Amino acid sequence: MKIREIKDQDNKKMEQIIKRSLEQVGLDIPGTAYFDPQLGNLSAFYKGKSNANYWVAVTEEDEVIGGVGIGPFVGDSTVGELQKLYISPAHQGKGVSKELMRVALDFAKEHYAYCYLETSHVLEIANSLYSKFGFRELTEPIEGSEHGTMDTWYIKEL
């Protein structure tokens, strides 16, 4: 497995991974990443923002198996947001998320003082991962949050 920046040809596969992941846990509803307008074109979306990037994990055959992004949080230039961390079901539990998190957080440290993320309590394995990486759970979202359906929020000082 290797991690690289997303390319245009990766967009469709990442959209499929994200949508299938959300469908599996009943989060294919408004107010989640499932309905984000940029979901089908993540490469252009992240290239069009400053202090932002999206990475994909790929197999030796260059098959996309997961991804993660960092982008600016609206309204606070000191806060970057960990976005769209999703792994294909066949590759979950193999350390892919950890490697993607390391790359994303290294990037975030270069541009932000804090890293924020929004998730759901039903994603227990993901929430455990965030805690292991030093994220602290918040009691409410930071003002400016865009995913109103999410009910769990974390922040990490970088």
Protein backbone atom coordinates (compact mmCIF):
# COMPACT_ATOMS: atom_id res chain seq x y z
CA MET A 1 0.00 0.00 0.00
CA LYS A 2 1.11 3.54 -0.67
CA ILE A 3 -0.45 6.95 -0.10
CA ARG A 4 -0.49 9.67 -2.73
CA GLU A 5 -2.41 12.82 -3.56
CA ILE A 6 -5.75 12.25 -5.27
CA LYS A 7 -5.86 12.36 -9.07
CA ASP A 8 -8.84 13.10 -11.30
CA GLN A 9 -9.18 9.42 -12.20
CA ASP A 10 -9.61 8.56 -8.48
CA ASN A 11 -12.76 10.65 -8.01
CA LYS A 12 -15.32 8.02 -8.96
CA LYS A 13 -13.77 5.29 -6.81
CA MET A 14 -13.59 7.54 -3.73
CA GLU A 15 -17.19 8.62 -4.26
CA GLN A 16 -18.21 4.94 -4.37
CA ILE A 17 -16.22 4.10 -1.21
CA ILE A 18 -17.72 7.04 0.70
CA LYS A 19 -21.29 6.38 -0.41
CA ARG A 20 -21.14 2.63 0.26
CA SER A 21 -19.59 3.24 3.69
CA LEU A 22 -22.35 5.65 4.66
CA GLU A 23 -25.06 3.37 3.28
CA GLN A 24 -23.77 0.47 5.40
CA VAL A 25 -24.37 2.41 8.62
CA GLY A 26 -27.56 4.21 7.61
CA LEU A 27 -25.90 7.59 7.15
CA ASP A 28 -26.84 8.04 3.49
CA ILE A 29 -29.02 10.96 4.57
CA PRO A 30 -28.99 14.75 4.16
CA GLY A 31 -26.54 16.51 6.44
CA THR A 32 -23.74 13.99 5.83
CA ALA A 33 -20.91 13.77 3.30
CA TYR A 34 -23.21 11.56 1.21
CA PHE A 35 -24.86 14.67 -0.22
CA ASP A 36 -21.80 16.95 -0.46
CA PRO A 37 -21.88 18.58 -3.91
CA GLN A 38 -18.13 18.08 -4.39
CA LEU A 39 -18.22 14.35 -3.61
CA GLY A 40 -17.86 13.33 -7.27
CA ASN A 41 -14.92 15.66 -7.90
CA LEU A 42 -12.76 15.65 -4.79
CA SER A 43 -9.54 16.25 -6.74
CA ALA A 44 -10.70 19.60 -8.11
CA PHE A 45 -12.39 20.58 -4.86
CA TYR A 46 -9.21 20.19 -2.79
CA LYS A 47 -6.93 21.68 -5.46
CA GLY A 48 -9.17 24.75 -5.47
CA LYS A 49 -8.63 25.51 -1.79
CA SER A 50 -5.57 26.85 -0.04
CA ASN A 51 -4.07 24.82 2.81
CA ALA A 52 -6.07 21.80 1.69
CA ASN A 53 -5.33 18.40 0.21
CA TYR A 54 -6.83 14.95 -0.26
CA TRP A 55 -4.86 11.72 -0.27
CA VAL A 56 -5.75 8.24 -1.35
CA ALA A 57 -4.36 4.92 -0.24
CA VAL A 58 -3.71 2.61 -3.17
CA THR A 59 -2.65 -1.00 -3.64
CA GLU A 60 0.46 -2.02 -5.56
CA GLU A 61 -1.79 -2.13 -8.64
CA ASP A 62 -2.82 1.51 -7.97
CA GLU A 63 -6.37 0.53 -6.94
CA VAL A 64 -7.86 3.18 -4.63
CA ILE A 65 -8.83 1.63 -1.29
CA GLY A 66 -9.45 4.72 0.85
CA GLY A 67 -8.81 8.37 1.36
CA VAL A 68 -8.73 11.38 3.68
CA GLY A 69 -8.70 15.14 3.33
CA ILE A 70 -7.68 18.23 5.23
CA GLY A 71 -9.38 21.51 4.49
CA PRO A 72 -9.84 24.90 6.12
CA PHE A 73 -12.68 25.21 8.61
CA VAL A 74 -15.04 28.03 7.67
CA GLY A 75 -14.64 31.09 9.87
CA ASP A 76 -11.40 30.23 11.70
CA SER A 77 -8.07 30.20 9.87
CA THR A 78 -6.34 28.43 12.79
CA VAL A 79 -8.55 25.34 12.41
CA GLY A 80 -8.16 22.70 9.76
CA GLU A 81 -10.77 20.00 9.34
CA LEU A 82 -10.12 16.31 8.87
CA GLN A 83 -12.56 15.32 6.14
CA LYS A 84 -13.86 12.23 4.41
CA LEU A 85 -11.75 9.50 5.99
CA TYR A 86 -13.18 6.36 4.40
CA ILE A 87 -11.73 2.93 3.66
CA SER A 88 -13.22 0.27 1.39
CA PRO A 89 -14.73 -2.57 3.47
CA ALA A 90 -12.26 -5.16 2.11
CA HIS A 91 -9.33 -3.11 3.43
CA GLN A 92 -10.65 -2.04 6.83
CA GLY A 93 -8.81 -3.22 9.91
CA LYS A 94 -5.45 -3.37 8.12
CA GLY A 95 -3.92 -0.08 9.28
CA VAL A 96 -4.91 1.95 6.23
CA SER A 97 -6.76 4.55 8.33
CA LYS A 98 -3.76 5.01 10.61
CA GLU A 99 -1.44 5.68 7.68
CA LEU A 100 -3.88 8.13 6.11
CA MET A 101 -4.30 9.90 9.46
CA ARG A 102 -0.53 10.32 9.84
CA VAL A 103 -0.21 11.92 6.40
CA ALA A 104 -3.21 14.19 6.96
CA LEU A 105 -2.12 15.32 10.42
CA ASP A 106 1.45 16.00 9.27
CA PHE A 107 -0.01 18.27 6.58
CA ALA A 108 -2.41 19.91 9.05
CA LYS A 109 0.46 20.72 11.45
CA GLU A 110 2.10 22.77 8.70
CA HIS A 111 -0.98 24.97 8.18
CA TYR A 112 -3.14 25.00 11.31
CA ALA A 113 -3.03 25.16 15.11
CA TYR A 114 -5.97 22.78 15.52
CA CYS A 115 -7.58 19.92 13.65
CA TYR A 116 -11.35 19.45 13.96
CA LEU A 117 -13.62 16.70 12.73
CA GLU A 118 -17.28 15.78 12.72
CA THR A 119 -18.54 12.21 12.85
CA SER A 120 -21.31 10.01 14.20
CA HIS A 121 -21.49 7.99 17.39
CA VAL A 122 -22.37 4.90 15.29
CA LEU A 123 -18.85 4.93 13.80
CA GLU A 124 -17.31 3.44 16.93
CA ILE A 125 -14.11 2.16 15.33
CA ALA A 126 -13.43 5.56 13.74
CA ASN A 127 -14.11 7.32 17.03
CA SER A 128 -11.65 5.02 18.77
CA LEU A 129 -9.05 5.87 16.11
CA TYR A 130 -9.53 9.60 16.66
CA SER A 131 -9.04 9.20 20.40
CA LYS A 132 -5.87 7.17 19.83
CA PHE A 133 -4.53 10.01 17.71
CA GLY A 134 -5.07 12.51 20.54
CA PHE A 135 -8.36 14.06 19.50
CA ARG A 136 -10.52 15.31 22.36
CA GLU A 137 -14.30 14.89 22.12
CA LEU A 138 -16.36 18.08 22.23
CA THR A 139 -19.90 18.47 23.58
CA GLU A 140 -21.08 20.44 20.53
CA PRO A 141 -19.85 21.39 17.07
CA ILE A 142 -17.70 24.42 16.41
CA GLU A 143 -19.74 27.30 15.03
CA GLY A 144 -19.84 27.08 11.23
CA SER A 145 -20.26 23.32 11.07
CA GLU A 146 -21.72 22.14 7.75
CA HIS A 147 -22.79 18.57 8.53
CA GLY A 148 -25.75 19.04 10.84
CA THR A 149 -26.59 15.35 11.05
CA MET A 150 -23.28 14.50 12.69
CA ASP A 151 -23.55 14.12 16.45
CA THR A 152 -19.93 13.65 17.57
CA TRP A 153 -17.15 16.23 17.31
CA TYR A 154 -13.44 16.12 18.03
CA ILE A 155 -10.57 18.59 18.14
CA LYS A 156 -6.81 18.16 18.41
CA GLU A 157 -4.16 20.74 19.18
CA LEU A 158 -1.40 20.37 16.60
